[in-house]
Amino acid sequence: MSSPNSKVYPSAAAALEGVVANGQTFAVGGFGLCGIPEALIAALRDTGVKDLTVISNNAGVDGFGLGQLLETRQIKKMISSYVGENKEFERQFLAGELELEFNPQGTLAERLRAGGAGIPAFFTATGYGTIVAEGKETREIDGRHYVLETALKADVSLVKAWKADESGNLIFNKTARNFNPACAMAGKICIVEVEEIVPTGTFDPDHVHLPSIYVDRIVLNASPEKRIEQRTTRAA
C-alpha cells in the first residue's frame, strides 16, 4: 500500500487492491494496442474478478491487452467500437457467450466524455436510420434527424499516461492520448499506469493534459512492452 497521503502505489496489484470486485464496470483506455494500461490489465486478470462490463474502444488482441481477460472469461459484456483483431472475442460473441454493445467510434468517445462531464445524454446524427438507432429515442432538429445516446460511467477507470507528477497531473505521449482522458474522467475511481513519476511542480501547468483531480492512484511501469499490433515491413 502507499502512504495515506500518496497516490503512488508500489505495484499494479497494490493499486487495484480494495477497489476491484465482481460485476463492476471498467473504462479502459487505449486504441488498438496503443496507450493501453498493460500492467493494470494483467493485474486485473490476476485478481480473478469476473462478470465484468468493459468499456473500451477495442478488446485488444488474442493473448494481450484485454484479450487476456477474454481468455480467462472474466468479461461478461464489452461496450466497444472495433473488435476485429481478436479471434477469441469473435468466437465468444458468435457462440452467445459474450454480450456486445456496439458503438460508432465517435459516439463511444462522446458517451465517455459526457459521463465524465455529468451530461446524462446527447443527440447525435450518427447512426440514425441504422441498427445503431434501434430502440433509442430519435428527434428532428432543424430538419435533421438525431439519435439520443446515453452517457457512459464506470466504477473503475484503468488509464495509461506517459508521465505523472506525484499529485496525479498527467501528460500523454502523442497518439497514446486517444481514449485515455475520457476514460479517466468517466470513472468513479481512476487508476493510472505511467512510465515516469516526477515531483509535483515539475510540469508547466500549460503542458498538463489531465489534471490531478481525476486521478486516484498511480503505478509506475517504466518499461512497458508496447507491442505493435501489426508489423509491416518491406524488402531492403
Protein backbone atom coordinates (compact mmCIF):
# COMPACT_ATOMS: atom_id res chain seq x y z
CA MET A 1 0.00 0.00 0.00
CA SER A 2 1.00 3.61 -0.47
CA SER A 3 1.28 6.08 2.39
CA PRO A 4 -2.05 7.63 3.46
CA ASN A 5 -1.39 10.88 1.61
CA SER A 6 0.22 9.47 -1.52
CA LYS A 7 -1.41 8.48 -4.79
CA VAL A 8 1.63 6.40 -5.80
CA TYR A 9 1.36 2.64 -5.28
CA PRO A 10 4.27 0.17 -5.42
CA SER A 11 2.73 -2.19 -8.00
CA ALA A 12 -0.27 -2.64 -10.26
CA ALA A 13 -1.61 -5.32 -7.93
CA ALA A 14 -1.38 -2.95 -4.95
CA ALA A 15 -3.14 -0.20 -6.91
CA LEU A 16 -6.11 -2.50 -7.58
CA GLU A 17 -6.32 -3.78 -4.03
CA GLY A 18 -9.54 -2.89 -2.25
CA VAL A 19 -11.01 -1.37 -5.42
CA VAL A 20 -11.98 -4.18 -7.81
CA ALA A 21 -14.89 -6.57 -7.37
CA ASN A 22 -17.07 -8.96 -9.35
CA GLY A 23 -19.69 -7.36 -11.58
CA GLN A 24 -18.05 -3.95 -11.89
CA THR A 25 -17.89 -1.74 -14.96
CA PHE A 26 -14.40 -0.74 -16.14
CA ALA A 27 -13.43 2.00 -18.59
CA VAL A 28 -10.09 1.05 -20.14
CA GLY A 29 -8.03 3.47 -22.23
CA GLY A 30 -6.22 2.67 -25.44
CA PHE A 31 -6.72 2.41 -29.18
CA GLY A 32 -5.69 -0.92 -30.65
CA LEU A 33 -2.63 -1.66 -28.54
CA CYS A 34 -1.58 2.00 -28.42
CA GLY A 35 -1.81 3.56 -24.99
CA ILE A 36 -3.23 0.57 -23.14
CA PRO A 37 -2.53 0.12 -19.41
CA GLU A 38 -0.64 -3.16 -19.89
CA ALA A 39 0.38 -3.80 -16.29
CA LEU A 40 -3.02 -2.87 -14.85
CA ILE A 41 -4.86 -5.18 -17.27
CA ALA A 42 -2.56 -8.07 -16.35
CA ALA A 43 -3.02 -7.33 -12.65
CA LEU A 44 -6.79 -7.22 -13.10
CA ARG A 45 -6.64 -10.64 -14.73
CA ASP A 46 -4.66 -11.95 -11.76
CA THR A 47 -7.30 -10.76 -9.27
CA GLY A 48 -9.74 -13.28 -10.71
CA VAL A 49 -12.72 -10.89 -10.57
CA LYS A 50 -15.42 -11.84 -13.08
CA ASP A 51 -18.71 -10.81 -14.69
CA LEU A 52 -17.12 -7.52 -15.74
CA THR A 53 -18.52 -4.97 -18.16
CA VAL A 54 -15.65 -3.30 -20.02
CA ILE A 55 -15.93 -0.03 -21.92
CA SER A 56 -13.03 0.23 -24.35
CA ASN A 57 -12.53 1.16 -27.98
CA ASN A 58 -11.49 -2.42 -28.72
CA ALA A 59 -10.76 -5.71 -26.99
CA GLY A 60 -7.01 -5.97 -27.51
CA VAL A 61 -5.66 -8.97 -29.38
CA ASP A 62 -5.50 -12.65 -28.54
CA GLY A 63 -3.27 -13.06 -25.51
CA PHE A 64 -2.52 -9.37 -24.91
CA GLY A 65 -4.34 -6.36 -23.56
CA LEU A 66 -8.00 -7.02 -22.84
CA GLY A 67 -7.63 -10.23 -24.81
CA GLN A 68 -6.14 -11.69 -21.63
CA LEU A 69 -9.40 -11.10 -19.77
CA LEU A 70 -11.39 -12.70 -22.57
CA GLU A 71 -9.24 -15.82 -22.41
CA THR A 72 -9.97 -16.18 -18.69
CA ARG A 73 -13.69 -15.47 -19.22
CA GLN A 74 -13.68 -12.53 -16.81
CA ILE A 75 -15.56 -10.21 -19.19
CA LYS A 76 -19.33 -10.60 -19.43
CA LYS A 77 -20.01 -7.61 -21.67
CA MET A 78 -18.00 -5.32 -23.94
CA ILE A 79 -19.05 -1.78 -24.86
CA SER A 80 -16.81 -1.18 -27.86
CA SER A 81 -16.29 0.32 -31.27
CA TYR A 82 -13.87 -2.06 -33.03
CA VAL A 83 -13.32 -5.72 -32.23
CA GLY A 84 -11.83 -7.12 -35.43
CA GLU A 85 -8.36 -8.06 -34.15
CA ASN A 86 -9.44 -10.62 -31.55
CA LYS A 87 -10.40 -14.16 -32.63
CA GLU A 88 -11.43 -15.19 -29.12
CA PHE A 89 -13.76 -12.20 -28.94
CA GLU A 90 -15.30 -13.27 -32.24
CA ARG A 91 -15.70 -16.87 -31.07
CA GLN A 92 -17.33 -15.93 -27.75
CA PHE A 93 -19.67 -13.40 -29.34
CA LEU A 94 -20.83 -15.71 -32.13
CA ALA A 95 -21.35 -18.50 -29.59
CA GLY A 96 -23.55 -16.24 -27.45
CA GLU A 97 -21.05 -16.30 -24.56
CA LEU A 98 -20.26 -12.57 -24.62
CA GLU A 99 -22.56 -9.55 -24.72
CA LEU A 100 -21.64 -6.69 -27.04
CA GLU A 101 -22.92 -3.13 -27.13
CA PHE A 102 -21.53 -1.80 -30.39
CA ASN A 103 -20.93 1.94 -30.87
CA PRO A 104 -19.70 4.17 -33.68
CA GLN A 105 -16.25 5.27 -32.57
CA GLY A 106 -17.06 8.97 -32.19
CA THR A 107 -20.26 8.12 -30.33
CA LEU A 108 -18.32 5.94 -27.90
CA ALA A 109 -15.84 8.75 -27.25
CA GLU A 110 -18.63 11.27 -26.69
CA ARG A 111 -20.57 8.90 -24.39
CA LEU A 112 -17.47 8.63 -22.19
CA ARG A 113 -16.84 12.36 -22.31
CA ALA A 114 -20.46 13.04 -21.38
CA GLY A 115 -20.21 10.64 -18.46
CA GLY A 116 -17.19 12.49 -17.13
CA ALA A 117 -18.82 15.89 -17.66
CA GLY A 118 -22.05 14.98 -15.88
CA ILE A 119 -24.16 15.13 -19.04
CA PRO A 120 -26.74 12.29 -18.94
CA ALA A 121 -27.39 12.05 -22.69
CA PHE A 122 -26.96 13.84 -26.01
CA PHE A 123 -28.31 13.80 -29.56
CA THR A 124 -26.12 12.78 -32.50
CA ALA A 125 -26.89 12.29 -36.18
CA THR A 126 -24.51 9.32 -36.32
CA GLY A 127 -26.35 6.04 -36.66
CA TYR A 128 -29.77 7.43 -37.50
CA GLY A 129 -31.65 5.08 -39.80
CA THR A 130 -29.39 2.11 -38.96
CA ILE A 131 -29.45 -0.68 -36.38
CA VAL A 132 -27.49 1.65 -34.10
CA ALA A 133 -30.71 3.62 -33.56
CA GLU A 134 -32.95 0.65 -32.80
CA GLY A 135 -34.80 1.08 -29.50
CA LYS A 136 -33.49 4.62 -28.98
CA GLU A 137 -35.30 7.94 -28.96
CA THR A 138 -34.92 9.97 -32.15
CA ARG A 139 -35.73 13.59 -32.80
CA GLU A 140 -35.79 16.00 -35.73
CA ILE A 141 -33.95 19.25 -35.06
CA ASP A 142 -33.67 21.97 -37.73
CA GLY A 143 -34.67 19.47 -40.40
CA ARG A 144 -32.10 16.83 -39.48
CA HIS A 145 -32.70 13.57 -37.62
CA TYR A 146 -30.79 12.64 -34.47
CA VAL A 147 -30.43 9.68 -32.11
CA LEU A 148 -30.37 10.03 -28.32
CA GLU A 149 -27.28 8.38 -26.83
CA THR A 150 -26.77 7.97 -23.09
CA ALA A 151 -23.58 8.79 -21.20
CA LEU A 152 -21.20 6.08 -20.00
CA LYS A 153 -19.83 5.87 -16.47
CA ALA A 154 -17.57 3.30 -14.86
CA ASP A 155 -16.87 2.03 -11.38
CA VAL A 156 -13.14 1.98 -12.17
CA SER A 157 -11.03 3.55 -14.93
CA LEU A 158 -7.73 1.98 -15.99
CA VAL A 159 -5.63 4.52 -17.85
CA LYS A 160 -2.17 4.75 -19.44
CA ALA A 161 -0.21 8.02 -19.43
CA TRP A 162 3.38 8.88 -20.25
CA LYS A 163 4.24 10.95 -17.17
CA ALA A 164 2.60 11.85 -13.88
CA ASP A 165 3.66 14.09 -11.07
CA GLU A 166 3.14 12.85 -7.53
CA SER A 167 -0.17 14.71 -7.31
CA GLY A 168 -1.53 12.88 -10.37
CA ASN A 169 -1.31 15.54 -13.08
CA LEU A 170 -0.86 13.65 -16.36
CA ILE A 171 0.90 14.08 -19.69
CA PHE A 172 0.15 11.64 -22.51
CA ASN A 173 2.54 10.72 -25.31
CA LYS A 174 1.21 11.72 -28.73
CA THR A 175 -1.50 9.35 -30.05
CA ALA A 176 -1.43 7.29 -26.84
CA ARG A 177 -3.63 10.08 -25.50
CA ASN A 178 -6.57 8.63 -27.53
CA PHE A 179 -9.41 7.43 -25.25
CA ASN A 180 -7.43 7.72 -22.02
CA PRO A 181 -8.55 11.17 -20.77
CA ALA A 182 -12.22 10.40 -21.45
CA CYS A 183 -11.95 7.04 -19.67
CA ALA A 184 -10.23 8.70 -16.71
CA MET A 185 -12.99 11.26 -16.31
CA ALA A 186 -15.80 8.71 -16.62
CA GLY A 187 -14.69 6.52 -13.71
CA LYS A 188 -15.59 6.86 -10.04
CA ILE A 189 -12.05 5.69 -9.25
CA CYS A 190 -9.23 6.27 -11.72
CA ILE A 191 -6.02 4.22 -11.62
CA VAL A 192 -3.21 5.34 -13.91
CA GLU A 193 -0.16 3.46 -15.18
CA VAL A 194 2.75 5.72 -16.17
CA GLU A 195 6.31 5.42 -17.45
CA GLU A 196 7.71 8.19 -15.26
CA ILE A 197 6.74 9.87 -11.99
CA VAL A 198 8.18 13.30 -11.19
CA PRO A 199 7.83 15.65 -8.20
CA THR A 200 4.78 17.88 -8.04
CA GLY A 201 5.59 21.24 -9.57
CA THR A 202 7.81 19.81 -12.32
CA PHE A 203 5.25 20.30 -15.08
CA ASP A 204 4.43 23.61 -16.69
CA PRO A 205 0.68 23.84 -15.95
CA ASP A 206 0.02 24.59 -19.63
CA HIS A 207 1.54 21.22 -20.55
CA VAL A 208 -0.77 19.12 -18.35
CA HIS A 209 -3.26 17.12 -20.40
CA LEU A 210 -5.38 15.86 -17.49
CA PRO A 211 -5.43 17.47 -14.03
CA SER A 212 -4.87 15.51 -10.86
CA ILE A 213 -8.43 15.88 -9.61
CA TYR A 214 -9.41 12.96 -11.87
CA VAL A 215 -6.63 10.63 -10.67
CA ASP A 216 -6.88 8.50 -7.53
CA ARG A 217 -3.99 6.03 -7.80
CA ILE A 218 -0.74 5.89 -9.79
CA VAL A 219 1.56 2.97 -10.54
CA LEU A 220 4.93 3.08 -12.30
CA ASN A 221 5.60 0.81 -15.27
CA ALA A 222 8.87 2.22 -16.58
CA SER A 223 9.41 -0.35 -19.34
CA PRO A 224 6.09 -1.39 -20.90
CA GLU A 225 6.16 -3.86 -23.76
CA LYS A 226 4.28 -1.54 -26.15
CA ARG A 227 3.57 -4.41 -28.50
CA ILE A 228 2.98 -3.50 -32.15
CA GLU A 229 -0.42 -4.75 -33.29
CA GLN A 230 0.54 -5.37 -36.91
CA ARG A 231 4.10 -5.07 -38.13
CA THR A 232 4.54 -4.44 -41.85
CA THR A 233 7.98 -4.49 -43.45
CA ARG A 234 9.35 -4.31 -46.97
CA ALA A 235 12.40 -5.75 -48.59
CA ALA A 236 15.52 -3.58 -48.43
